[in-house]
Amino acid sequence: MSVGLLALLDDVAALAKVAAASLDDIAGQAAKAGAKAAGV
């Protein structure tokens, strides 16, 4: 039982890392798009 729980927590941690990286990427893309739109 505890092995399954640890695996689940590991999966959740991995998903959280991927989500954080994606959000970071989206923010970066939005900033670039905003700068282009502003003509910077």
Protein backbone atom coordinates (compact mmCIF):
# COMPACT_ATOMS: atom_id res chain seq x y z
CA MET A 1 0.00 0.00 0.00
CA SER A 2 2.69 2.49 0.98
CA VAL A 3 4.62 1.74 -2.21
CA GLY A 4 1.58 2.71 -4.29
CA LEU A 5 1.16 5.88 -2.25
CA LEU A 6 4.81 6.83 -2.74
CA ALA A 7 4.51 6.22 -6.47
CA LEU A 8 1.41 8.41 -6.57
CA LEU A 9 3.17 11.22 -4.70
CA ASP A 10 6.12 10.90 -7.07
CA ASP A 11 3.77 11.21 -10.05
CA VAL A 12 2.10 14.26 -8.52
CA ALA A 13 5.49 15.89 -7.93
CA ALA A 14 6.51 15.20 -11.53
CA LEU A 15 3.24 16.64 -12.84
CA ALA A 16 3.67 19.72 -10.66
CA LYS A 17 7.16 20.27 -12.09
CA VAL A 18 5.86 19.96 -15.64
CA ALA A 19 2.97 22.32 -14.89
CA ALA A 20 5.32 24.88 -13.35
CA ALA A 21 7.64 24.68 -16.36
CA SER A 22 4.68 25.09 -18.72
CA LEU A 23 3.38 28.13 -16.82
CA ASP A 24 6.86 29.63 -16.90
CA ASP A 25 7.03 29.03 -20.64
CA ILE A 26 3.58 30.54 -21.20
CA ALA A 27 4.53 33.63 -19.20
CA GLY A 28 7.72 33.98 -21.25
CA GLN A 29 5.85 33.63 -24.53
CA ALA A 30 3.24 36.16 -23.41
CA ALA A 31 5.97 38.64 -22.46
CA LYS A 32 7.63 38.22 -25.87
CA ALA A 33 4.31 38.66 -27.66
CA GLY A 34 3.54 41.74 -25.57
CA ALA A 35 6.92 43.26 -26.35
CA LYS A 36 6.43 42.63 -30.07
CA ALA A 37 2.94 44.15 -29.96
CA ALA A 38 4.33 47.20 -28.18
CA GLY A 39 7.01 47.48 -30.85
CA VAL A 40 9.91 47.01 -28.46
